[in-house]
C-alpha atoms as a PDB file:
ATOM      1  CA  MET A   1     -61.450 -78.818 -59.551  1.00  0.00           C
ATOM      2  CA  LYS A   2     -62.076 -77.733 -63.170  1.00  0.00           C
ATOM      3  CA  GLU A   3     -64.655 -75.609 -64.345  1.00  0.00           C
ATOM      4  CA  ILE A   4     -66.719 -75.587 -67.807  1.00  0.00           C
ATOM      5  CA  SER A   5     -68.147 -72.829 -69.515  1.00  0.00           C
ATOM      6  CA  VAL A   6     -71.121 -73.191 -71.370  1.00  0.00           C
ATOM      7  CA  ARG A   7     -72.875 -70.019 -73.332  1.00  0.00           C
ATOM      8  CA  THR A   8     -76.549 -71.122 -74.311  1.00  0.00           C
ATOM      9  CA  THR A   9     -78.813 -68.620 -77.455  1.00  0.00           C
ATOM     10  CA  VAL A  10     -82.290 -69.020 -76.173  1.00  0.00           C
ATOM     11  CA  ARG A  11     -84.012 -69.118 -72.784  1.00  0.00           C
ATOM     12  CA  THR A  12     -84.378 -72.764 -72.136  1.00  0.00           C
ATOM     13  CA  GLN A  13     -81.997 -75.417 -73.894  1.00  0.00           C
ATOM     14  CA  LEU A  14     -80.201 -78.104 -72.744  1.00  0.00           C
ATOM     15  CA  VAL A  15     -76.216 -78.129 -73.860  1.00  0.00           C
ATOM     16  CA  ASN A  16     -74.613 -81.619 -74.173  1.00  0.00           C
ATOM     17  CA  ILE A  17     -71.555 -81.433 -72.401  1.00  0.00           C
ATOM     18  CA  THR A  18     -70.209 -84.940 -72.202  1.00  0.00           C
ATOM     19  CA  SER A  19     -67.144 -84.565 -73.947  1.00  0.00           C
ATOM     20  CA  GLN A  20     -65.807 -81.249 -72.303  1.00  0.00           C
ATOM     21  CA  VAL A  21     -66.624 -83.166 -69.008  1.00  0.00           C
ATOM     22  CA  ALA A  22     -64.499 -85.840 -70.510  1.00  0.00           C
ATOM     23  CA  SER A  23     -61.850 -84.120 -70.716  1.00  0.00           C
ATOM     24  CA  ALA A  24     -62.140 -82.460 -67.486  1.00  0.00           C
ATOM     25  CA  LEU A  25     -61.666 -85.338 -66.041  1.00  0.00           C
ATOM     26  CA  SER A  26     -59.402 -86.599 -67.975  1.00  0.00           C
ATOM     27  CA  GLU A  27     -56.941 -83.206 -66.396  1.00  0.00           C
ATOM     28  CA  LEU A  28     -58.077 -84.574 -62.559  1.00  0.00           C
ATOM     29  CA  ASP A  29     -57.575 -87.538 -60.536  1.00  0.00           C
ATOM     30  CA  PRO A  30     -55.946 -90.943 -63.008  1.00  0.00           C
ATOM     31  CA  GLY A  31     -57.558 -92.737 -59.625  1.00  0.00           C
ATOM     32  CA  ALA A  32     -61.096 -91.300 -59.460  1.00  0.00           C
ATOM     33  CA  THR A  33     -63.621 -93.386 -59.640  1.00  0.00           C
ATOM     34  CA  LEU A  34     -66.675 -91.027 -59.304  1.00  0.00           C
ATOM     35  CA  CYS A  35     -66.599 -88.022 -61.663  1.00  0.00           C
ATOM     36  CA  HIS A  36     -69.188 -84.952 -59.857  1.00  0.00           C
ATOM     37  CA  VAL A  37     -70.611 -82.598 -61.971  1.00  0.00           C
ATOM     38  CA  PHE A  38     -72.181 -79.345 -60.450  1.00  0.00           C
ATOM     39  CA  VAL A  39     -74.011 -76.814 -61.378  1.00  0.00           C
ATOM     40  CA  PRO A  40     -73.345 -73.133 -59.249  1.00  0.00           C
ATOM     41  CA  HIS A  41     -76.161 -71.441 -60.618  1.00  0.00           C
ATOM     42  CA  THR A  42     -80.340 -71.111 -59.591  1.00  0.00           C
ATOM     43  CA  THR A  43     -81.652 -70.665 -62.550  1.00  0.00           C
ATOM     44  CA  ALA A  44     -80.035 -73.899 -64.261  1.00  0.00           C
ATOM     45  CA  ALA A  45     -79.409 -77.661 -63.632  1.00  0.00           C
ATOM     46  CA  VAL A  46     -77.718 -80.495 -64.890  1.00  0.00           C
ATOM     47  CA  VAL A  47     -79.487 -83.879 -66.285  1.00  0.00           C
ATOM     48  CA  ILE A  48     -78.479 -87.451 -67.874  1.00  0.00           C
ATOM     49  CA  ASN A  49     -80.475 -88.128 -71.122  1.00  0.00           C
ATOM     50  CA  GLU A  50     -80.085 -89.531 -74.620  1.00  0.00           C
ATOM     51  CA  ALA A  51     -77.543 -88.054 -76.447  1.00  0.00           C
ATOM     52  CA  ALA A  52     -77.515 -89.739 -79.986  1.00  0.00           C
ATOM     53  CA  ASP A  53     -80.753 -87.792 -81.191  1.00  0.00           C
ATOM     54  CA  PRO A  54     -80.892 -83.787 -80.755  1.00  0.00           C
ATOM     55  CA  ASP A  55     -85.097 -83.858 -81.099  1.00  0.00           C
ATOM     56  CA  VAL A  56     -84.888 -85.448 -77.536  1.00  0.00           C
ATOM     57  CA  ALA A  57     -83.095 -82.417 -76.225  1.00  0.00           C
ATOM     58  CA  ARG A  58     -85.758 -79.500 -77.993  1.00  0.00           C
ATOM     59  CA  ASP A  59     -88.067 -82.074 -76.527  1.00  0.00           C
ATOM     60  CA  LEU A  60     -87.482 -82.005 -73.221  1.00  0.00           C
ATOM     61  CA  ALA A  61     -86.408 -78.035 -73.621  1.00  0.00           C
ATOM     62  CA  ALA A  62     -90.292 -77.955 -74.884  1.00  0.00           C
ATOM     63  CA  ALA A  63     -91.926 -79.787 -71.621  1.00  0.00           C
ATOM     64  CA  TYR A  64     -89.996 -78.396 -69.286  1.00  0.00           C
ATOM     65  CA  GLN A  65     -91.612 -75.316 -70.405  1.00  0.00           C
ATOM     66  CA  ALA A  66     -95.111 -76.483 -70.518  1.00  0.00           C
ATOM     67  CA  MET A  67     -94.749 -77.996 -66.948  1.00  0.00           C
ATOM     68  CA  VAL A  68     -94.397 -74.984 -65.115  1.00  0.00           C
ATOM     69  CA  PRO A  69     -95.542 -71.697 -67.468  1.00  0.00           C
ATOM     70  CA  LYS A  70     -94.856 -68.228 -66.630  1.00  0.00           C
ATOM     71  CA  ILE A  71     -97.471 -67.694 -64.443  1.00  0.00           C
ATOM     72  CA  PRO A  72     -97.440 -64.225 -61.943  1.00  0.00           C
ATOM     73  CA  PHE A  73     -95.171 -65.196 -59.298  1.00  0.00           C
ATOM     74  CA  THR A  74     -94.028 -62.687 -56.771  1.00  0.00           C
ATOM     75  CA  HIS A  75     -90.256 -62.957 -57.091  1.00  0.00           C
ATOM     76  CA  ALA A  76     -89.442 -59.693 -58.602  1.00  0.00           C
ATOM     77  CA  GLU A  77     -87.161 -60.579 -61.463  1.00  0.00           C
ATOM     78  CA  GLY A  78     -89.782 -62.631 -63.064  1.00  0.00           C
ATOM     79  CA  ASN A  79     -88.075 -66.406 -63.745  1.00  0.00           C
ATOM     80  CA  SER A  80     -89.487 -68.099 -60.684  1.00  0.00           C
ATOM     81  CA  ASP A  81     -90.373 -70.197 -63.607  1.00  0.00           C
ATOM     82  CA  SER A  82     -86.584 -71.192 -64.537  1.00  0.00           C
ATOM     83  CA  HIS A  83     -86.120 -71.235 -59.851  1.00  0.00           C
ATOM     84  CA  LEU A  84     -88.777 -73.981 -59.644  1.00  0.00           C
ATOM     85  CA  LEU A  85     -87.293 -76.072 -62.420  1.00  0.00           C
ATOM     86  CA  ALA A  86     -84.441 -76.052 -61.210  1.00  0.00           C
ATOM     87  CA  THR A  87     -84.666 -77.252 -58.162  1.00  0.00           C
ATOM     88  CA  LEU A  88     -86.919 -80.406 -59.846  1.00  0.00           C
ATOM     89  CA  LEU A  89     -83.846 -81.016 -62.125  1.00  0.00           C
ATOM     90  CA  GLY A  90     -81.324 -80.934 -59.799  1.00  0.00           C
ATOM     91  CA  SER A  91     -77.984 -79.124 -59.661  1.00  0.00           C
ATOM     92  CA  SER A  92     -75.553 -81.875 -59.655  1.00  0.00           C
ATOM     93  CA  VAL A  93     -75.049 -85.588 -61.103  1.00  0.00           C
ATOM     94  CA  THR A  94     -72.521 -87.975 -60.298  1.00  0.00           C
ATOM     95  CA  LEU A  95     -70.995 -90.718 -62.077  1.00  0.00           C
ATOM     96  CA  PRO A  96     -69.201 -94.034 -61.798  1.00  0.00           C
ATOM     97  CA  VAL A  97     -65.356 -93.381 -63.239  1.00  0.00           C
ATOM     98  CA  ASP A  98     -64.105 -96.877 -64.576  1.00  0.00           C
ATOM     99  CA  ASP A  99     -59.927 -96.791 -65.961  1.00  0.00           C
ATOM    100  CA  GLY A 100     -60.377 -92.748 -66.244  1.00  0.00           C
ATOM    101  CA  ARG A 101     -63.361 -92.587 -67.693  1.00  0.00           C
ATOM    102  CA  ILE A 102     -67.017 -91.797 -67.203  1.00  0.00           C
ATOM    103  CA  ARG A 103     -69.648 -94.943 -67.571  1.00  0.00           C
ATOM    104  CA  LEU A 104     -72.292 -93.979 -69.582  1.00  0.00           C
ATOM    105  CA  GLY A 105     -75.192 -96.021 -70.697  1.00  0.00           C
ATOM    106  CA  THR A 106     -74.512 -96.474 -74.525  1.00  0.00           C
ATOM    107  CA  TRP A 107     -77.383 -93.674 -75.783  1.00  0.00           C
ATOM    108  CA  GLN A 108     -76.441 -91.457 -73.039  1.00  0.00           C
ATOM    109  CA  GLY A 109     -74.795 -88.027 -72.713  1.00  0.00           C
ATOM    110  CA  ILE A 110     -74.289 -85.037 -70.097  1.00  0.00           C
ATOM    111  CA  PHE A 111     -76.452 -81.756 -70.300  1.00  0.00           C
ATOM    112  CA  PHE A 112     -76.112 -78.835 -68.955  1.00  0.00           C
ATOM    113  CA  VAL A 113     -80.203 -76.959 -68.709  1.00  0.00           C
ATOM    114  CA  ASP A 114     -80.260 -73.791 -69.263  1.00  0.00           C
ATOM    115  CA  LEU A 115     -83.723 -72.198 -68.024  1.00  0.00           C
ATOM    116  CA  ASP A 116     -83.450 -68.513 -67.535  1.00  0.00           C
ATOM    117  CA  GLY A 117     -80.848 -67.756 -71.244  1.00  0.00           C
ATOM    118  CA  PRO A 118     -79.222 -66.952 -73.124  1.00  0.00           C
ATOM    119  CA  ARG A 119     -76.606 -66.288 -71.007  1.00  0.00           C
ATOM    120  CA  SER A 120     -73.001 -67.440 -69.836  1.00  0.00           C
ATOM    121  CA  ARG A 121     -73.201 -70.334 -67.202  1.00  0.00           C
ATOM    122  CA  ARG A 122     -70.221 -72.245 -65.579  1.00  0.00           C
ATOM    123  CA  VAL A 123     -70.283 -75.898 -64.455  1.00  0.00           C
ATOM    124  CA  TRP A 124     -67.605 -77.268 -62.211  1.00  0.00           C
ATOM    125  CA  VAL A 125     -66.487 -81.167 -62.427  1.00  0.00           C
ATOM    126  CA  SER A 126     -64.538 -82.458 -59.804  1.00  0.00           C
ATOM    127  CA  THR A 127     -63.775 -86.221 -58.372  1.00  0.00           C
ATOM    128  CA  GLY A 128     -63.911 -88.727 -55.535  1.00  0.00           C
ATOM    129  CA  ARG A 129     -63.405 -92.380 -54.698  1.00  0.00           C
END
């Protein structure tokens, strides 16, 4: 398993980690057919979406905030909206690997989604067959 470090600068932010995942994959099992990307945080997620236009990531961040507004949740930290969004988006993705390379669609990229930043976060990359 390899670990990627991600630093965010605002509360809700999508960070394209496609190249970091590809780099981590190259250091793991060369015969792998699957790449698993996991976020070990309860207020963050990982998603696949368009990576060609950076406005898409900004639009998604704004939409996430609009979908689950800050309301008077009971959780003392005040970030229950982030916890809720993390459960909706998911903590992992599994991607096919062919000849040592992640297989993504033409416009797709892998995004770390921080829902309670800014923070320093971790992403774990592992492989399987």
